[in-house]
Amino acid sequence: MSWTVRVDPGLCMGSGMCAAIAPEALALDGEHARPLSETTAPDDRILEAAEICPAQALTVHAGTEVIAPRP
């Protein structure tokens, strides 16, 4: 199953930490991060990127379930 990665531009502060950890899935686009595609193959680096986001702007979904960041 593929994952969906979402970035809330209202929360993203453009730290770039997510893009540094998971450059195959995320990039900085001006002042905000953005996913490089609508879906991505499961990868622990993407989960780590969501966990370390200082603004908690990044979420990872497997189907309808949010799998990162963990509560």
PDB file of N, CA and C in Angstrom:
ATOM      1  N   MET A   1       0.844  -1.180   0.000  1.00  0.00           N
ATOM      2  CA  MET A   1       0.000   0.000   0.000  1.00  0.00           C
ATOM      3  C   MET A   1       0.891   1.246   0.000  1.00  0.00           C
ATOM      4  N   SER A   2       0.510   2.218  -0.780  1.00  0.00           N
ATOM      5  CA  SER A   2       1.284   3.458  -0.816  1.00  0.00           C
ATOM      6  C   SER A   2       0.801   4.403   0.278  1.00  0.00           C
ATOM      7  N   TRP A   3       1.635   5.385   0.564  1.00  0.00           N
ATOM      8  CA  TRP A   3       1.313   6.404   1.560  1.00  0.00           C
ATOM      9  C   TRP A   3       1.014   7.719   0.858  1.00  0.00           C
ATOM     10  N   THR A   4       0.248   8.560   1.536  1.00  0.00           N
ATOM     11  CA  THR A   4       0.017   9.922   1.097  1.00  0.00           C
ATOM     12  C   THR A   4       0.694  10.845   2.102  1.00  0.00           C
ATOM     13  N   VAL A   5       1.475  11.782   1.601  1.00  0.00           N
ATOM     14  CA  VAL A   5       2.175  12.743   2.457  1.00  0.00           C
ATOM     15  C   VAL A   5       1.531  14.105   2.237  1.00  0.00           C
ATOM     16  N   ARG A   6       1.148  14.749   3.327  1.00  0.00           N
ATOM     17  CA  ARG A   6       0.513  16.066   3.228  1.00  0.00           C
ATOM     18  C   ARG A   6       1.271  17.073   4.085  1.00  0.00           C
ATOM     19  N   VAL A   7       1.353  18.292   3.555  1.00  0.00           N
ATOM     20  CA  VAL A   7       1.967  19.399   4.286  1.00  0.00           C
ATOM     21  C   VAL A   7       0.920  20.500   4.402  1.00  0.00           C
ATOM     22  N   ASP A   8       0.679  20.952   5.621  1.00  0.00           N
ATOM     23  CA  ASP A   8      -0.251  22.062   5.851  1.00  0.00           C
ATOM     24  C   ASP A   8       0.546  23.360   5.692  1.00  0.00           C
ATOM     25  N   PRO A   9       0.322  24.100   4.603  1.00  0.00           N
ATOM     26  CA  PRO A   9       1.104  25.323   4.389  1.00  0.00           C
ATOM     27  C   PRO A   9       0.834  26.401   5.438  1.00  0.00           C
ATOM     28  N   GLY A  10      -0.304  26.305   6.118  1.00  0.00           N
ATOM     29  CA  GLY A  10      -0.595  27.253   7.193  1.00  0.00           C
ATOM     30  C   GLY A  10       0.243  27.014   8.433  1.00  0.00           C
ATOM     31  N   LEU A  11       0.742  25.787   8.580  1.00  0.00           N
ATOM     32  CA  LEU A  11       1.585  25.451   9.730  1.00  0.00           C
ATOM     33  C   LEU A  11       3.070  25.412   9.393  1.00  0.00           C
ATOM     34  N   CYS A  12       3.400  25.049   8.154  1.00  0.00           N
ATOM     35  CA  CYS A  12       4.797  24.870   7.754  1.00  0.00           C
ATOM     36  C   CYS A  12       5.572  26.174   7.892  1.00  0.00           C
ATOM     37  N   MET A  13       6.721  26.084   8.563  1.00  0.00           N
ATOM     38  CA  MET A  13       7.571  27.256   8.751  1.00  0.00           C
ATOM     39  C   MET A  13       8.822  27.215   7.872  1.00  0.00           C
ATOM     40  N   GLY A  14       8.922  26.197   7.020  1.00  0.00           N
ATOM     41  CA  GLY A  14      10.019  26.121   6.067  1.00  0.00           C
ATOM     42  C   GLY A  14      11.369  25.810   6.660  1.00  0.00           C
ATOM     43  N   SER A  15      11.412  25.022   7.729  1.00  0.00           N
ATOM     44  CA  SER A  15      12.696  24.695   8.353  1.00  0.00           C
ATOM     45  C   SER A  15      13.576  23.846   7.444  1.00  0.00           C
ATOM     46  N   GLY A  16      12.948  23.043   6.577  1.00  0.00           N
ATOM     47  CA  GLY A  16      13.706  22.180   5.668  1.00  0.00           C
ATOM     48  C   GLY A  16      14.154  20.871   6.275  1.00  0.00           C
ATOM     49  N   MET A  17      13.840  20.638   7.534  1.00  0.00           N
ATOM     50  CA  MET A  17      14.266  19.401   8.178  1.00  0.00           C
ATOM     51  C   MET A  17      13.668  18.177   7.488  1.00  0.00           C
ATOM     52  N   CYS A  18      12.415  18.270   7.078  1.00  0.00           N
ATOM     53  CA  CYS A  18      11.761  17.134   6.425  1.00  0.00           C
ATOM     54  C   CYS A  18      12.424  16.810   5.091  1.00  0.00           C
ATOM     55  N   ALA A  19      12.718  17.841   4.301  1.00  0.00           N
ATOM     56  CA  ALA A  19      13.343  17.636   2.995  1.00  0.00           C
ATOM     57  C   ALA A  19      14.764  17.099   3.141  1.00  0.00           C
ATOM     58  N   ALA A  20      15.442  17.455   4.210  1.00  0.00           N
ATOM     59  CA  ALA A  20      16.789  16.940   4.440  1.00  0.00           C
ATOM     60  C   ALA A  20      16.766  15.452   4.794  1.00  0.00           C
ATOM     61  N   ILE A  21      15.748  15.026   5.532  1.00  0.00           N
ATOM     62  CA  ILE A  21      15.655  13.628   5.948  1.00  0.00           C
ATOM     63  C   ILE A  21      15.063  12.749   4.858  1.00  0.00           C
ATOM     64  N   ALA A  22      14.076  13.279   4.117  1.00  0.00           N
ATOM     65  CA  ALA A  22      13.396  12.481   3.091  1.00  0.00           C
ATOM     66  C   ALA A  22      13.356  13.223   1.754  1.00  0.00           C
ATOM     67  N   PRO A  23      14.529  13.465   1.151  1.00  0.00           N
ATOM     68  CA  PRO A  23      14.572  14.245  -0.092  1.00  0.00           C
ATOM     69  C   PRO A  23      13.897  13.560  -1.278  1.00  0.00           C
ATOM     70  N   GLU A  24      13.682  12.249  -1.190  1.00  0.00           N
ATOM     71  CA  GLU A  24      12.995  11.551  -2.266  1.00  0.00           C
ATOM     72  C   GLU A  24      11.490  11.785  -2.236  1.00  0.00           C
ATOM     73  N   ALA A  25      10.984  12.339  -1.122  1.00  0.00           N
ATOM     74  CA  ALA A  25       9.537  12.533  -0.969  1.00  0.00           C
ATOM     75  C   ALA A  25       9.127  13.983  -0.760  1.00  0.00           C
ATOM     76  N   LEU A  26      10.061  14.820  -0.261  1.00  0.00           N
ATOM     77  CA  LEU A  26       9.719  16.199   0.109  1.00  0.00           C
ATOM     78  C   LEU A  26      10.776  17.176  -0.386  1.00  0.00           C
ATOM     79  N   ALA A  27      10.325  18.382  -0.696  1.00  0.00           N
ATOM     80  CA  ALA A  27      11.241  19.441  -1.125  1.00  0.00           C
ATOM     81  C   ALA A  27      10.744  20.774  -0.583  1.00  0.00           C
ATOM     82  N   LEU A  28      11.669  21.710  -0.426  1.00  0.00           N
ATOM     83  CA  LEU A  28      11.276  23.073  -0.074  1.00  0.00           C
ATOM     84  C   LEU A  28      10.899  23.797  -1.354  1.00  0.00           C
ATOM     85  N   ASP A  29       9.775  24.490  -1.305  1.00  0.00           N
ATOM     86  CA  ASP A  29       9.278  25.242  -2.448  1.00  0.00           C
ATOM     87  C   ASP A  29       9.028  26.662  -1.945  1.00  0.00           C
ATOM     88  N   GLY A  30      10.024  27.494  -2.046  1.00  0.00           N
ATOM     89  CA  GLY A  30       9.915  28.832  -1.466  1.00  0.00           C
ATOM     90  C   GLY A  30      10.033  28.742   0.041  1.00  0.00           C
ATOM     91  N   GLU A  31       8.975  29.132   0.731  1.00  0.00           N
ATOM     92  CA  GLU A  31       9.002  29.158   2.193  1.00  0.00           C
ATOM     93  C   GLU A  31       8.363  27.935   2.828  1.00  0.00           C
ATOM     94  N   HIS A  32       7.871  26.993   2.011  1.00  0.00           N
ATOM     95  CA  HIS A  32       7.173  25.832   2.552  1.00  0.00           C
ATOM     96  C   HIS A  32       7.663  24.542   1.913  1.00  0.00           C
ATOM     97  N   ALA A  33       7.485  23.464   2.661  1.00  0.00           N
ATOM     98  CA  ALA A  33       7.781  22.145   2.114  1.00  0.00           C
ATOM     99  C   ALA A  33       6.591  21.695   1.272  1.00  0.00           C
ATOM    100  N   ARG A  34       6.864  20.773   0.356  1.00  0.00           N
ATOM    101  CA  ARG A  34       5.799  20.182  -0.443  1.00  0.00           C
ATOM    102  C   ARG A  34       6.179  18.750  -0.782  1.00  0.00           C
ATOM    103  N   PRO A  35       5.167  17.876  -0.876  1.00  0.00           N
ATOM    104  CA  PRO A  35       5.443  16.511  -1.322  1.00  0.00           C
ATOM    105  C   PRO A  35       5.806  16.516  -2.807  1.00  0.00           C
ATOM    106  N   LEU A  36       6.689  15.634  -3.213  1.00  0.00           N
ATOM    107  CA  LEU A  36       7.095  15.549  -4.610  1.00  0.00           C
ATOM    108  C   LEU A  36       6.087  14.793  -5.471  1.00  0.00           C
ATOM    109  N   SER A  37       5.233  13.985  -4.836  1.00  0.00           N
ATOM    110  CA  SER A  37       4.178  13.291  -5.572  1.00  0.00           C
ATOM    111  C   SER A  37       2.988  13.078  -4.648  1.00  0.00           C
ATOM    112  N   GLU A  38       1.846  12.731  -5.230  1.00  0.00           N
ATOM    113  CA  GLU A  38       0.635  12.524  -4.430  1.00  0.00           C
ATOM    114  C   GLU A  38       0.757  11.321  -3.508  1.00  0.00           C
ATOM    115  N   THR A  39       1.408  10.280  -3.988  1.00  0.00           N
ATOM    116  CA  THR A  39       1.611   9.083  -3.169  1.00  0.00           C
ATOM    117  C   THR A  39       3.072   8.683  -3.224  1.00  0.00           C
ATOM    118  N   THR A  40       3.485   7.898  -2.238  1.00  0.00           N
ATOM    119  CA  THR A  40       4.873   7.452  -2.171  1.00  0.00           C
ATOM    120  C   THR A  40       4.928   6.044  -1.588  1.00  0.00           C
ATOM    121  N   ALA A  41       5.986   5.350  -1.880  1.00  0.00           N
ATOM    122  CA  ALA A  41       6.198   4.031  -1.286  1.00  0.00           C
ATOM    123  C   ALA A  41       6.534   4.208   0.189  1.00  0.00           C
ATOM    124  N   PRO A  42       6.115   3.272   1.032  1.00  0.00           N
ATOM    125  CA  PRO A  42       6.458   3.359   2.451  1.00  0.00           C
ATOM    126  C   PRO A  42       7.971   3.467   2.653  1.00  0.00           C
ATOM    127  N   ASP A  43       8.355   4.353   3.552  1.00  0.00           N
ATOM    128  CA  ASP A  43       9.776   4.601   3.830  1.00  0.00           C
ATOM    129  C   ASP A  43       9.879   5.191   5.239  1.00  0.00           C
ATOM    130  N   ASP A  44      10.695   4.575   6.079  1.00  0.00           N
ATOM    131  CA  ASP A  44      10.847   5.040   7.463  1.00  0.00           C
ATOM    132  C   ASP A  44      11.346   6.474   7.549  1.00  0.00           C
ATOM    133  N   ARG A  45      12.090   6.941   6.534  1.00  0.00           N
ATOM    134  CA  ARG A  45      12.584   8.324   6.561  1.00  0.00           C
ATOM    135  C   ARG A  45      11.435   9.324   6.473  1.00  0.00           C
ATOM    136  N   ILE A  46      10.370   8.962   5.792  1.00  0.00           N
ATOM    137  CA  ILE A  46       9.205   9.847   5.707  1.00  0.00           C
ATOM    138  C   ILE A  46       8.516   9.928   7.068  1.00  0.00           C
ATOM    139  N   LEU A  47       8.410   8.802   7.754  1.00  0.00           N
ATOM    140  CA  LEU A  47       7.845   8.813   9.102  1.00  0.00           C
ATOM    141  C   LEU A  47       8.694   9.677  10.036  1.00  0.00           C
ATOM    142  N   GLU A  48      10.010   9.532   9.930  1.00  0.00           N
ATOM    143  CA  GLU A  48      10.912  10.327  10.755  1.00  0.00           C
ATOM    144  C   GLU A  48      10.746  11.818  10.460  1.00  0.00           C
ATOM    145  N   ALA A  49      10.590  12.167   9.188  1.00  0.00           N
ATOM    146  CA  ALA A  49      10.403  13.566   8.811  1.00  0.00           C
ATOM    147  C   ALA A  49       9.152  14.148   9.467  1.00  0.00           C
ATOM    148  N   ALA A  50       8.078  13.374   9.495  1.00  0.00           N
ATOM    149  CA  ALA A  50       6.839  13.838  10.130  1.00  0.00           C
ATOM    150  C   ALA A  50       7.028  13.989  11.636  1.00  0.00           C
ATOM    151  N   GLU A  51       7.775  13.085  12.227  1.00  0.00           N
ATOM    152  CA  GLU A  51       7.984  13.133  13.681  1.00  0.00           C
ATOM    153  C   GLU A  51       8.833  14.324  14.110  1.00  0.00           C
ATOM    154  N   ILE A  52       9.803  14.720  13.287  1.00  0.00           N
ATOM    155  CA  ILE A  52      10.711  15.791  13.702  1.00  0.00           C
ATOM    156  C   ILE A  52      10.270  17.177  13.239  1.00  0.00           C
ATOM    157  N   CYS A  53       9.188  17.258  12.469  1.00  0.00           N
ATOM    158  CA  CYS A  53       8.722  18.567  11.982  1.00  0.00           C
ATOM    159  C   CYS A  53       8.426  19.473  13.173  1.00  0.00           C
ATOM    160  N   PRO A  54       9.134  20.605  13.302  1.00  0.00           N
ATOM    161  CA  PRO A  54       8.944  21.466  14.475  1.00  0.00           C
ATOM    162  C   PRO A  54       7.564  22.122  14.520  1.00  0.00           C
ATOM    163  N   ALA A  55       6.891  22.217  13.389  1.00  0.00           N
ATOM    164  CA  ALA A  55       5.568  22.849  13.344  1.00  0.00           C
ATOM    165  C   ALA A  55       4.438  21.819  13.271  1.00  0.00           C
ATOM    166  N   GLN A  56       4.783  20.544  13.224  1.00  0.00           N
ATOM    167  CA  GLN A  56       3.815  19.459  13.058  1.00  0.00           C
ATOM    168  C   GLN A  56       2.922  19.710  11.843  1.00  0.00           C
ATOM    169  N   ALA A  57       3.532  20.186  10.763  1.00  0.00           N
ATOM    170  CA  ALA A  57       2.810  20.507   9.536  1.00  0.00           C
ATOM    171  C   ALA A  57       2.716  19.322   8.582  1.00  0.00           C
ATOM    172  N   LEU A  58       3.464  18.282   8.839  1.00  0.00           N
ATOM    173  CA  LEU A  58       3.574  17.137   7.938  1.00  0.00           C
ATOM    174  C   LEU A  58       2.808  15.956   8.512  1.00  0.00           C
ATOM    175  N   THR A  59       1.941  15.352   7.694  1.00  0.00           N
ATOM    176  CA  THR A  59       1.240  14.139   8.103  1.00  0.00           C
ATOM    177  C   THR A  59       1.416  13.072   7.035  1.00  0.00           C
ATOM    178  N   VAL A  60       1.467  11.826   7.482  1.00  0.00           N
ATOM    179  CA  VAL A  60       1.613  10.683   6.592  1.00  0.00           C
ATOM    180  C   VAL A  60       0.388   9.797   6.794  1.00  0.00           C
ATOM    181  N   HIS A  61      -0.237   9.417   5.680  1.00  0.00           N
ATOM    182  CA  HIS A  61      -1.474   8.649   5.713  1.00  0.00           C
ATOM    183  C   HIS A  61      -1.292   7.326   4.986  1.00  0.00           C
ATOM    184  N   ALA A  62      -1.812   6.266   5.576  1.00  0.00           N
ATOM    185  CA  ALA A  62      -1.915   4.956   4.921  1.00  0.00           C
ATOM    186  C   ALA A  62      -3.407   4.714   4.770  1.00  0.00           C
ATOM    187  N   GLY A  63      -3.914   4.926   3.579  1.00  0.00           N
ATOM    188  CA  GLY A  63      -5.363   4.890   3.388  1.00  0.00           C
ATOM    189  C   GLY A  63      -5.991   6.066   4.127  1.00  0.00           C
ATOM    190  N   THR A  64      -6.932   5.795   4.999  1.00  0.00           N
ATOM    191  CA  THR A  64      -7.583   6.865   5.768  1.00  0.00           C
ATOM    192  C   THR A  64      -6.949   7.079   7.141  1.00  0.00           C
ATOM    193  N   GLU A  65      -5.975   6.254   7.491  1.00  0.00           N
ATOM    194  CA  GLU A  65      -5.338   6.331   8.807  1.00  0.00           C
ATOM    195  C   GLU A  65      -4.104   7.238   8.785  1.00  0.00           C
ATOM    196  N   VAL A  66      -4.017   8.152   9.753  1.00  0.00           N
ATOM    197  CA  VAL A  66      -2.816   8.965   9.924  1.00  0.00           C
ATOM    198  C   VAL A  66      -1.819   8.122  10.705  1.00  0.00           C
ATOM    199  N   ILE A  67      -0.655   7.855  10.088  1.00  0.00           N
ATOM    200  CA  ILE A  67       0.342   7.007  10.749  1.00  0.00           C
ATOM    201  C   ILE A  67       1.511   7.809  11.303  1.00  0.00           C
ATOM    202  N   ALA A  68       1.614   9.073  10.942  1.00  0.00           N
ATOM    203  CA  ALA A  68       2.656   9.940  11.508  1.00  0.00           C
ATOM    204  C   ALA A  68       2.208  11.390  11.343  1.00  0.00           C
ATOM    205  N   PRO A  69       2.512  12.243  12.284  1.00  0.00           N
ATOM    206  CA  PRO A  69       3.219  11.928  13.527  1.00  0.00           C
ATOM    207  C   PRO A  69       2.318  11.161  14.487  1.00  0.00           C
ATOM    208  N   ARG A  70       2.957  10.434  15.352  1.00  0.00           N
ATOM    209  CA  ARG A  70       2.221   9.684  16.363  1.00  0.00           C
ATOM    210  C   ARG A  70       1.790  10.631  17.470  1.00  0.00           C
ATOM    211  N   PRO A  71       0.607  10.389  18.028  1.00  0.00           N
ATOM    212  CA  PRO A  71       0.126  11.263  19.127  1.00  0.00           C
ATOM    213  C   PRO A  71       0.969  11.149  20.376  1.00  0.00           C
TER     214      PRO A  71
END
